């Protein structure tokens, strides 16, 4: 079920947060929360939570009466997430080991489902989205972020070669639509790829970790990122203007189908079994109500 090696994530877990320390990804976290309509007292699922970067921010947002569950298939990643949450004194968040393609969770349970930088590594994004929808309550939103295709061909080709799939926007929108989500919209998020005053040493550590995720040898990583910087400067101004940006995708789950044949429904205290067409259901409903 999993396309990308769990061992890679296990190996980078202890230092993974360094990757988030160099850039300013605050706009990503804000966009995920705001566009999903996440608010106080909500129950939220974060898929492929990693070390809890998104889930911890969501837990702060939903407050003590809300609940956040982060799932990941890397135990060392979850260990780091739990450690951070405990250090922050958050008691409304939990983490479990689980596969995004087969969530061990009941249907219609969460008020929002989030995910960040995960779909590029999944073997079946469509199945993962369907699982997200299954556990999401009606009229609620899935909010996820993925990188756009890198602006340099050699960079994009390397990621593809090692099993990282960078979605064209139209492809991921289609997956979300085919899964059953509606009112899908996508927008690019402006981020600062390097905060002011970030040391050269921290930058180097971040690049080495990114290199591991892209299956680069440590001896090759520095040269690879140097080439990215050099080739990027040669790009036309219109391509350099915004850099490499993450894209936020949001879709809403609507209840569009009747329960399966033979299921029971309850309307104003009247319980009946239906095995008929939609038009017949409407006639029965009108009879009961009036």
C-alpha atoms as a PDB file:
ATOM      1  CA  UNK A   1       0.000   0.000   0.000  1.00  0.00           C
ATOM      2  CA  UNK A   2       2.844   2.390   0.691  1.00  0.00           C
ATOM      3  CA  UNK A   3       4.975   3.629  -2.173  1.00  0.00           C
ATOM      4  CA  UNK A   4       7.719   5.323  -0.187  1.00  0.00           C
ATOM      5  CA  UNK A   5      10.034   3.486   2.162  1.00  0.00           C
ATOM      6  CA  UNK A   6       9.011   3.774   5.805  1.00  0.00           C
ATOM      7  CA  UNK A   7      12.661   3.338   6.701  1.00  0.00           C
ATOM      8  CA  UNK A   8      13.493   6.743   5.220  1.00  0.00           C
ATOM      9  CA  UNK A   9      10.990   8.488   7.490  1.00  0.00           C
ATOM     10  CA  UNK A  10      12.127   6.455  10.491  1.00  0.00           C
ATOM     11  CA  UNK A  11      15.714   7.545   9.843  1.00  0.00           C
ATOM     12  CA  UNK A  12      15.000  11.278   9.556  1.00  0.00           C
ATOM     13  CA  UNK A  13      12.393  11.494  12.337  1.00  0.00           C
ATOM     14  CA  UNK A  14      14.664  12.708  15.133  1.00  0.00           C
ATOM     15  CA  UNK A  15      15.906  15.732  13.164  1.00  0.00           C
ATOM     16  CA  UNK A  16      12.972  16.209  10.786  1.00  0.00           C
ATOM     17  CA  UNK A  17      11.794  19.499  12.318  1.00  0.00           C
ATOM     18  CA  UNK A  18      14.996  21.163  11.101  1.00  0.00           C
ATOM     19  CA  UNK A  19      13.387  21.179   7.646  1.00  0.00           C
ATOM     20  CA  UNK A  20      10.634  23.385   9.094  1.00  0.00           C
ATOM     21  CA  UNK A  21      13.032  25.670  10.964  1.00  0.00           C
ATOM     22  CA  UNK A  22      14.738  27.146   7.893  1.00  0.00           C
ATOM     23  CA  UNK A  23      11.669  28.390   5.960  1.00  0.00           C
ATOM     24  CA  UNK A  24       8.674  30.276   7.300  1.00  0.00           C
ATOM     25  CA  UNK A  25       5.761  27.898   6.712  1.00  0.00           C
ATOM     26  CA  UNK A  26       3.367  29.821   8.961  1.00  0.00           C
ATOM     27  CA  UNK A  27       1.179  30.742   5.949  1.00  0.00           C
ATOM     28  CA  UNK A  28       0.764  27.024   5.174  1.00  0.00           C
ATOM     29  CA  UNK A  29      -0.479  26.229   8.671  1.00  0.00           C
ATOM     30  CA  UNK A  30      -2.780  29.258   8.707  1.00  0.00           C
ATOM     31  CA  UNK A  31      -4.262  28.393   5.308  1.00  0.00           C
ATOM     32  CA  UNK A  32      -4.937  24.766   6.217  1.00  0.00           C
ATOM     33  CA  UNK A  33      -6.792  25.803   9.370  1.00  0.00           C
ATOM     34  CA  UNK A  34      -8.692  28.764   7.945  1.00  0.00           C
ATOM     35  CA  UNK A  35      -9.781  27.210   4.646  1.00  0.00           C
ATOM     36  CA  UNK A  36     -10.937  24.012   6.359  1.00  0.00           C
ATOM     37  CA  UNK A  37     -13.057  26.105   8.716  1.00  0.00           C
ATOM     38  CA  UNK A  38     -11.366  24.583  11.765  1.00  0.00           C
ATOM     39  CA  UNK A  39     -12.594  26.204  14.963  1.00  0.00           C
ATOM     40  CA  UNK A  40     -13.170  25.651  18.671  1.00  0.00           C
ATOM     41  CA  UNK A  41     -14.528  22.286  19.866  1.00  0.00           C
ATOM     42  CA  UNK A  42     -13.989  20.492  16.543  1.00  0.00           C
ATOM     43  CA  UNK A  43     -12.672  16.951  16.115  1.00  0.00           C
ATOM     44  CA  UNK A  44      -9.950  16.901  13.461  1.00  0.00           C
ATOM     45  CA  UNK A  45      -7.912  14.158  11.801  1.00  0.00           C
ATOM     46  CA  UNK A  46      -4.425  14.905  10.474  1.00  0.00           C
ATOM     47  CA  UNK A  47      -3.262  12.273   7.965  1.00  0.00           C
ATOM     48  CA  UNK A  48       0.478  11.536   7.691  1.00  0.00           C
ATOM     49  CA  UNK A  49       1.044  13.836  10.628  1.00  0.00           C
ATOM     50  CA  UNK A  50       4.791  13.169  10.817  1.00  0.00           C
ATOM     51  CA  UNK A  51       6.223  15.008  13.800  1.00  0.00           C
ATOM     52  CA  UNK A  52       2.961  16.860  14.350  1.00  0.00           C
ATOM     53  CA  UNK A  53       3.667  20.193  12.676  1.00  0.00           C
ATOM     54  CA  UNK A  54       0.070  20.566  11.470  1.00  0.00           C
ATOM     55  CA  UNK A  55      -1.769  18.574  14.127  1.00  0.00           C
ATOM     56  CA  UNK A  56      -0.222  20.534  16.997  1.00  0.00           C
ATOM     57  CA  UNK A  57      -1.269  23.847  15.453  1.00  0.00           C
ATOM     58  CA  UNK A  58      -4.774  22.471  14.908  1.00  0.00           C
ATOM     59  CA  UNK A  59      -4.910  21.311  18.546  1.00  0.00           C
ATOM     60  CA  UNK A  60      -4.172  24.860  19.664  1.00  0.00           C
ATOM     61  CA  UNK A  61      -6.997  26.079  17.458  1.00  0.00           C
ATOM     62  CA  UNK A  62      -9.743  23.652  18.549  1.00  0.00           C
ATOM     63  CA  UNK A  63      -9.108  24.216  22.249  1.00  0.00           C
ATOM     64  CA  UNK A  64      -9.724  21.954  25.232  1.00  0.00           C
ATOM     65  CA  UNK A  65     -13.189  20.902  24.057  1.00  0.00           C
ATOM     66  CA  UNK A  66     -11.872  19.817  20.664  1.00  0.00           C
ATOM     67  CA  UNK A  67      -9.857  16.735  19.801  1.00  0.00           C
ATOM     68  CA  UNK A  68      -7.104  16.104  17.258  1.00  0.00           C
ATOM     69  CA  UNK A  69      -5.898  12.727  16.074  1.00  0.00           C
ATOM     70  CA  UNK A  70      -2.667  12.459  14.109  1.00  0.00           C
ATOM     71  CA  UNK A  71      -1.922   9.283  12.169  1.00  0.00           C
ATOM     72  CA  UNK A  72       1.300   8.192  10.522  1.00  0.00           C
ATOM     73  CA  UNK A  73       2.966   4.925   9.537  1.00  0.00           C
ATOM     74  CA  UNK A  74       6.330   5.876  11.042  1.00  0.00           C
ATOM     75  CA  UNK A  75       6.592   5.112  14.753  1.00  0.00           C
ATOM     76  CA  UNK A  76       9.689   7.319  15.320  1.00  0.00           C
ATOM     77  CA  UNK A  77       7.845  10.252  13.692  1.00  0.00           C
ATOM     78  CA  UNK A  78       4.891   9.755  16.022  1.00  0.00           C
ATOM     79  CA  UNK A  79       7.220   9.507  19.003  1.00  0.00           C
ATOM     80  CA  UNK A  80       8.614  12.957  18.193  1.00  0.00           C
ATOM     81  CA  UNK A  81       5.094  14.354  17.701  1.00  0.00           C
ATOM     82  CA  UNK A  82       3.888  13.031  21.059  1.00  0.00           C
ATOM     83  CA  UNK A  83       6.989  14.390  22.783  1.00  0.00           C
ATOM     84  CA  UNK A  84       6.368  17.887  21.393  1.00  0.00           C
ATOM     85  CA  UNK A  85       2.671  17.848  22.269  1.00  0.00           C
ATOM     86  CA  UNK A  86       3.457  16.797  25.826  1.00  0.00           C
ATOM     87  CA  UNK A  87       6.080  19.538  26.122  1.00  0.00           C
ATOM     88  CA  UNK A  88       3.470  22.095  25.080  1.00  0.00           C
ATOM     89  CA  UNK A  89       0.996  20.789  27.631  1.00  0.00           C
ATOM     90  CA  UNK A  90      -1.580  19.799  25.010  1.00  0.00           C
ATOM     91  CA  UNK A  91      -4.076  17.250  26.306  1.00  0.00           C
ATOM     92  CA  UNK A  92      -6.496  17.336  23.377  1.00  0.00           C
ATOM     93  CA  UNK A  93      -4.275  15.524  20.885  1.00  0.00           C
ATOM     94  CA  UNK A  94      -3.369  11.899  20.332  1.00  0.00           C
ATOM     95  CA  UNK A  95      -1.292   9.964  17.813  1.00  0.00           C
ATOM     96  CA  UNK A  96      -1.698   6.456  16.433  1.00  0.00           C
ATOM     97  CA  UNK A  97       0.213   4.268  14.017  1.00  0.00           C
ATOM     98  CA  UNK A  98      -1.961   3.800  10.922  1.00  0.00           C
ATOM     99  CA  UNK A  99      -1.963   3.637   7.132  1.00  0.00           C
ATOM    100  CA  UNK A 100      -3.571   6.519   5.244  1.00  0.00           C
ATOM    101  CA  UNK A 101      -5.027   4.018   2.758  1.00  0.00           C
ATOM    102  CA  UNK A 102      -6.871   2.062   5.459  1.00  0.00           C
ATOM    103  CA  UNK A 103      -7.839   4.249   8.409  1.00  0.00           C
ATOM    104  CA  UNK A 104      -8.875   2.332  11.565  1.00  0.00           C
ATOM    105  CA  UNK A 105     -11.589   4.873  12.288  1.00  0.00           C
ATOM    106  CA  UNK A 106     -15.400   4.828  12.199  1.00  0.00           C
ATOM    107  CA  UNK A 107     -17.322   6.615   9.463  1.00  0.00           C
ATOM    108  CA  UNK A 108     -18.566  10.199   9.741  1.00  0.00           C
ATOM    109  CA  UNK A 109     -16.499  10.982  12.808  1.00  0.00           C
ATOM    110  CA  UNK A 110     -14.440  14.129  12.140  1.00  0.00           C
ATOM    111  CA  UNK A 111     -15.292  17.783  11.524  1.00  0.00           C
ATOM    112  CA  UNK A 112     -12.241  18.275   9.286  1.00  0.00           C
ATOM    113  CA  UNK A 113      -9.418  16.225   7.795  1.00  0.00           C
ATOM    114  CA  UNK A 114      -6.003  17.732   7.051  1.00  0.00           C
ATOM    115  CA  UNK A 115      -2.771  16.596   5.452  1.00  0.00           C
ATOM    116  CA  UNK A 116       0.463  18.300   4.470  1.00  0.00           C
ATOM    117  CA  UNK A 117       3.209  17.131   2.087  1.00  0.00           C
ATOM    118  CA  UNK A 118       2.017  13.518   2.135  1.00  0.00           C
ATOM    119  CA  UNK A 119       0.298  12.700  -1.144  1.00  0.00           C
ATOM    120  CA  UNK A 120       3.504  12.810  -3.186  1.00  0.00           C
ATOM    121  CA  UNK A 121       4.629   9.707  -1.278  1.00  0.00           C
ATOM    122  CA  UNK A 122       1.432   7.635  -1.322  1.00  0.00           C
ATOM    123  CA  UNK A 123       0.887   4.611  -3.557  1.00  0.00           C
ATOM    124  CA  UNK A 124      -2.826   5.362  -4.055  1.00  0.00           C
ATOM    125  CA  UNK A 125      -3.819   8.994  -3.458  1.00  0.00           C
ATOM    126  CA  UNK A 126      -7.371   8.271  -4.638  1.00  0.00           C
ATOM    127  CA  UNK A 127      -7.841   5.560  -2.021  1.00  0.00           C
ATOM    128  CA  UNK A 128      -6.386   7.818   0.671  1.00  0.00           C
ATOM    129  CA  UNK A 129      -8.826  10.618  -0.196  1.00  0.00           C
ATOM    130  CA  UNK A 130     -11.742   8.188  -0.162  1.00  0.00           C
ATOM    131  CA  UNK A 131     -10.705   7.131   3.331  1.00  0.00           C
ATOM    132  CA  UNK A 132     -10.559  10.762   4.397  1.00  0.00           C
ATOM    133  CA  UNK A 133     -14.070  11.292   3.066  1.00  0.00           C
ATOM    134  CA  UNK A 134     -15.348   8.143   4.763  1.00  0.00           C
ATOM    135  CA  UNK A 135     -14.347   9.365   8.228  1.00  0.00           C
ATOM    136  CA  UNK A 136     -15.457  12.961   7.587  1.00  0.00           C
ATOM    137  CA  UNK A 137     -18.883  14.245   8.572  1.00  0.00           C
ATOM    138  CA  UNK A 138     -21.165  15.633   5.874  1.00  0.00           C
ATOM    139  CA  UNK A 139     -20.760  19.279   4.865  1.00  0.00           C
ATOM    140  CA  UNK A 140     -17.233  19.281   6.254  1.00  0.00           C
ATOM    141  CA  UNK A 141     -13.925  19.830   4.499  1.00  0.00           C
ATOM    142  CA  UNK A 142     -10.715  18.070   3.537  1.00  0.00           C
ATOM    143  CA  UNK A 143      -7.765  20.482   3.483  1.00  0.00           C
ATOM    144  CA  UNK A 144      -4.393  19.364   2.165  1.00  0.00           C
ATOM    145  CA  UNK A 145      -1.168  20.904   0.890  1.00  0.00           C
ATOM    146  CA  UNK A 146       1.231  19.578  -1.737  1.00  0.00           C
ATOM    147  CA  UNK A 147       4.178  21.110  -3.557  1.00  0.00           C
ATOM    148  CA  UNK A 148       3.783  22.133  -7.152  1.00  0.00           C
ATOM    149  CA  UNK A 149       6.193  20.622  -9.691  1.00  0.00           C
ATOM    150  CA  UNK A 150       9.732  21.988  -9.178  1.00  0.00           C
ATOM    151  CA  UNK A 151      10.625  24.698 -11.702  1.00  0.00           C
ATOM    152  CA  UNK A 152      13.860  22.937 -12.765  1.00  0.00           C
ATOM    153  CA  UNK A 153      13.647  19.820 -14.915  1.00  0.00           C
ATOM    154  CA  UNK A 154      16.620  17.956 -13.405  1.00  0.00           C
ATOM    155  CA  UNK A 155      15.191  18.533  -9.932  1.00  0.00           C
ATOM    156  CA  UNK A 156      11.708  17.375 -10.941  1.00  0.00           C
ATOM    157  CA  UNK A 157      13.106  14.351 -12.796  1.00  0.00           C
ATOM    158  CA  UNK A 158      15.155  13.260  -9.800  1.00  0.00           C
ATOM    159  CA  UNK A 159      12.136  13.415  -7.498  1.00  0.00           C
ATOM    160  CA  UNK A 160      10.116  11.410  -9.986  1.00  0.00           C
ATOM    161  CA  UNK A 161      12.897   8.848 -10.388  1.00  0.00           C
ATOM    162  CA  UNK A 162      13.037   8.096  -6.656  1.00  0.00           C
ATOM    163  CA  UNK A 163       9.262   7.754  -6.336  1.00  0.00           C
ATOM    164  CA  UNK A 164       8.117  11.248  -5.350  1.00  0.00           C
ATOM    165  CA  UNK A 165       5.106  12.305  -7.392  1.00  0.00           C
ATOM    166  CA  UNK A 166       4.691  16.061  -7.758  1.00  0.00           C
ATOM    167  CA  UNK A 167       1.120  16.595  -8.882  1.00  0.00           C
ATOM    168  CA  UNK A 168       0.137  19.029 -11.582  1.00  0.00           C
ATOM    169  CA  UNK A 169      -2.676  21.032 -10.008  1.00  0.00           C
ATOM    170  CA  UNK A 170      -5.268  19.663 -12.447  1.00  0.00           C
ATOM    171  CA  UNK A 171      -4.329  16.057 -11.623  1.00  0.00           C
ATOM    172  CA  UNK A 172      -4.835  16.363  -7.889  1.00  0.00           C
ATOM    173  CA  UNK A 173      -8.040  18.375  -8.354  1.00  0.00           C
ATOM    174  CA  UNK A 174      -9.331  15.512 -10.537  1.00  0.00           C
ATOM    175  CA  UNK A 175      -8.422  12.936  -7.866  1.00  0.00           C
ATOM    176  CA  UNK A 176     -10.314  14.933  -5.252  1.00  0.00           C
ATOM    177  CA  UNK A 177     -13.313  15.251  -7.566  1.00  0.00           C
ATOM    178  CA  UNK A 178     -13.278  11.559  -8.529  1.00  0.00           C
ATOM    179  CA  UNK A 179     -13.174  10.622  -4.860  1.00  0.00           C
ATOM    180  CA  UNK A 180     -16.474  12.400  -4.268  1.00  0.00           C
ATOM    181  CA  UNK A 181     -15.461  15.805  -2.909  1.00  0.00           C
ATOM    182  CA  UNK A 182     -17.278  18.886  -4.196  1.00  0.00           C
ATOM    183  CA  UNK A 183     -16.633  22.638  -4.348  1.00  0.00           C
ATOM    184  CA  UNK A 184     -12.933  21.964  -4.785  1.00  0.00           C
ATOM    185  CA  UNK A 185     -10.603  24.914  -4.975  1.00  0.00           C
ATOM    186  CA  UNK A 186      -6.840  25.251  -5.110  1.00  0.00           C
ATOM    187  CA  UNK A 187      -4.550  28.187  -4.377  1.00  0.00           C
ATOM    188  CA  UNK A 188      -0.833  28.741  -4.171  1.00  0.00           C
ATOM    189  CA  UNK A 189       0.570  29.847  -0.833  1.00  0.00           C
ATOM    190  CA  UNK A 190       3.348  32.403  -0.645  1.00  0.00           C
ATOM    191  CA  UNK A 191       6.082  31.205   1.705  1.00  0.00           C
ATOM    192  CA  UNK A 192       9.523  32.421   2.680  1.00  0.00           C
ATOM    193  CA  UNK A 193      11.953  29.622   1.891  1.00  0.00           C
ATOM    194  CA  UNK A 194      14.608  30.975   4.235  1.00  0.00           C
ATOM    195  CA  UNK A 195      13.926  33.042   7.311  1.00  0.00           C
ATOM    196  CA  UNK A 196      16.180  35.999   8.071  1.00  0.00           C
ATOM    197  CA  UNK A 197      19.201  35.182  10.238  1.00  0.00           C
ATOM    198  CA  UNK A 198      19.092  31.428   9.561  1.00  0.00           C
ATOM    199  CA  UNK A 199      22.651  30.168  10.015  1.00  0.00           C
ATOM    200  CA  UNK A 200      24.579  28.442   7.270  1.00  0.00           C
ATOM    201  CA  UNK A 201      24.941  25.384   9.506  1.00  0.00           C
ATOM    202  CA  UNK A 202      21.186  25.060  10.003  1.00  0.00           C
ATOM    203  CA  UNK A 203      20.697  25.490   6.262  1.00  0.00           C
ATOM    204  CA  UNK A 204      23.194  22.706   5.596  1.00  0.00           C
ATOM    205  CA  UNK A 205      21.468  20.356   8.076  1.00  0.00           C
ATOM    206  CA  UNK A 206      18.130  21.048   6.421  1.00  0.00           C
ATOM    207  CA  UNK A 207      19.531  20.285   2.986  1.00  0.00           C
ATOM    208  CA  UNK A 208      21.104  17.034   4.183  1.00  0.00           C
ATOM    209  CA  UNK A 209      17.757  15.908   5.619  1.00  0.00           C
ATOM    210  CA  UNK A 210      15.946  16.888   2.429  1.00  0.00           C
ATOM    211  CA  UNK A 211      18.600  14.979   0.528  1.00  0.00           C
ATOM    212  CA  UNK A 212      17.928  11.843   2.570  1.00  0.00           C
ATOM    213  CA  UNK A 213      14.229  12.088   1.802  1.00  0.00           C
ATOM    214  CA  UNK A 214      15.105  12.372  -1.897  1.00  0.00           C
ATOM    215  CA  UNK A 215      17.440   9.373  -1.530  1.00  0.00           C
ATOM    216  CA  UNK A 216      20.572  11.389  -2.223  1.00  0.00           C
ATOM    217  CA  UNK A 217      23.886  10.293  -0.789  1.00  0.00           C
ATOM    218  CA  UNK A 218      25.254  12.730   1.762  1.00  0.00           C
ATOM    219  CA  UNK A 219      28.255  13.365  -0.502  1.00  0.00           C
ATOM    220  CA  UNK A 220      25.929  14.339  -3.364  1.00  0.00           C
ATOM    221  CA  UNK A 221      23.378  16.441  -1.478  1.00  0.00           C
ATOM    222  CA  UNK A 222      25.390  19.660  -1.184  1.00  0.00           C
ATOM    223  CA  UNK A 223      26.261  19.633  -4.882  1.00  0.00           C
ATOM    224  CA  UNK A 224      22.633  18.914  -5.822  1.00  0.00           C
ATOM    225  CA  UNK A 225      21.300  21.907  -3.903  1.00  0.00           C
ATOM    226  CA  UNK A 226      24.111  24.135  -5.180  1.00  0.00           C
ATOM    227  CA  UNK A 227      23.051  23.237  -8.702  1.00  0.00           C
ATOM    228  CA  UNK A 228      19.445  24.130  -7.840  1.00  0.00           C
ATOM    229  CA  UNK A 229      20.563  27.597  -6.698  1.00  0.00           C
ATOM    230  CA  UNK A 230      22.714  28.121  -9.789  1.00  0.00           C
ATOM    231  CA  UNK A 231      20.106  26.945 -12.295  1.00  0.00           C
ATOM    232  CA  UNK A 232      17.347  28.844 -10.548  1.00  0.00           C
ATOM    233  CA  UNK A 233      19.157  32.129 -11.161  1.00  0.00           C
ATOM    234  CA  UNK A 234      19.089  31.378 -14.896  1.00  0.00           C
ATOM    235  CA  UNK A 235      15.300  31.098 -15.015  1.00  0.00           C
ATOM    236  CA  UNK A 236      13.251  33.842 -16.713  1.00  0.00           C
ATOM    237  CA  UNK A 237      11.995  36.513 -14.293  1.00  0.00           C
ATOM    238  CA  UNK A 238       8.375  35.320 -14.530  1.00  0.00           C
ATOM    239  CA  UNK A 239       9.401  31.841 -13.344  1.00  0.00           C
ATOM    240  CA  UNK A 240      11.626  33.165 -10.563  1.00  0.00           C
ATOM    241  CA  UNK A 241       9.008  35.580  -9.238  1.00  0.00           C
ATOM    242  CA  UNK A 242       7.319  33.227  -6.787  1.00  0.00           C
ATOM    243  CA  UNK A 243       9.769  30.343  -6.558  1.00  0.00           C
ATOM    244  CA  UNK A 244       8.638  26.817  -5.712  1.00  0.00           C
ATOM    245  CA  UNK A 245       5.273  27.092  -4.007  1.00  0.00           C
ATOM    246  CA  UNK A 246       2.968  24.791  -2.062  1.00  0.00           C
ATOM    247  CA  UNK A 247      -0.637  24.478  -3.240  1.00  0.00           C
ATOM    248  CA  UNK A 248      -3.577  24.257  -0.869  1.00  0.00           C
ATOM    249  CA  UNK A 249      -6.470  22.038  -1.991  1.00  0.00           C
ATOM    250  CA  UNK A 250      -9.835  22.149  -0.227  1.00  0.00           C
ATOM    251  CA  UNK A 251     -12.935  20.098  -0.963  1.00  0.00           C
ATOM    252  CA  UNK A 252     -16.257  19.558   0.801  1.00  0.00           C
ATOM    253  CA  UNK A 253     -18.085  16.311   1.514  1.00  0.00           C
ATOM    254  CA  UNK A 254     -21.783  16.395   0.753  1.00  0.00           C
ATOM    255  CA  UNK A 255     -24.259  13.621   1.431  1.00  0.00           C
ATOM    256  CA  UNK A 256     -25.306  12.816  -2.116  1.00  0.00           C
ATOM    257  CA  UNK A 257     -26.623   9.254  -1.885  1.00  0.00           C
ATOM    258  CA  UNK A 258     -29.342   7.447   0.019  1.00  0.00           C
ATOM    259  CA  UNK A 259     -28.488   4.667   2.442  1.00  0.00           C
ATOM    260  CA  UNK A 260     -27.961   1.268   0.838  1.00  0.00           C
ATOM    261  CA  UNK A 261     -30.973  -0.869   0.012  1.00  0.00           C
ATOM    262  CA  UNK A 262     -32.361  -2.498   3.122  1.00  0.00           C
ATOM    263  CA  UNK A 263     -31.024   0.188   5.465  1.00  0.00           C
ATOM    264  CA  UNK A 264     -33.266   1.773   8.063  1.00  0.00           C
ATOM    265  CA  UNK A 265     -34.067   5.467   8.132  1.00  0.00           C
ATOM    266  CA  UNK A 266     -35.641   7.562  10.844  1.00  0.00           C
ATOM    267  CA  UNK A 267     -37.698  10.668  10.099  1.00  0.00           C
ATOM    268  CA  UNK A 268     -39.405  12.532  12.958  1.00  0.00           C
ATOM    269  CA  UNK A 269     -39.439   9.407  15.085  1.00  0.00           C
ATOM    270  CA  UNK A 270     -40.875   7.156  12.347  1.00  0.00           C
ATOM    271  CA  UNK A 271     -38.648   4.210  11.513  1.00  0.00           C
ATOM    272  CA  UNK A 272     -39.122   2.454   8.208  1.00  0.00           C
ATOM    273  CA  UNK A 273     -37.162   0.204   5.901  1.00  0.00           C
ATOM    274  CA  UNK A 274     -36.760   1.406   2.340  1.00  0.00           C
ATOM    275  CA  UNK A 275     -36.163  -0.687  -0.766  1.00  0.00           C
ATOM    276  CA  UNK A 276     -37.475   1.689  -3.365  1.00  0.00           C
ATOM    277  CA  UNK A 277     -36.455   4.347  -5.842  1.00  0.00           C
ATOM    278  CA  UNK A 278     -35.714   7.952  -4.969  1.00  0.00           C
ATOM    279  CA  UNK A 279     -39.106   9.165  -6.264  1.00  0.00           C
ATOM    280  CA  UNK A 280     -40.867   6.613  -4.086  1.00  0.00           C
ATOM    281  CA  UNK A 281     -38.762   7.709  -1.115  1.00  0.00           C
ATOM    282  CA  UNK A 282     -39.886  11.333  -1.659  1.00  0.00           C
ATOM    283  CA  UNK A 283     -43.548  10.250  -1.744  1.00  0.00           C
ATOM    284  CA  UNK A 284     -43.114   8.319   1.503  1.00  0.00           C
ATOM    285  CA  UNK A 285     -41.300  11.238   3.124  1.00  0.00           C
ATOM    286  CA  UNK A 286     -44.060  13.681   2.181  1.00  0.00           C
ATOM    287  CA  UNK A 287     -46.674  11.292   3.545  1.00  0.00           C
ATOM    288  CA  UNK A 288     -44.848  11.032   6.893  1.00  0.00           C
ATOM    289  CA  UNK A 289     -44.252  14.742   7.244  1.00  0.00           C
ATOM    290  CA  UNK A 290     -47.704  15.878   6.243  1.00  0.00           C
END
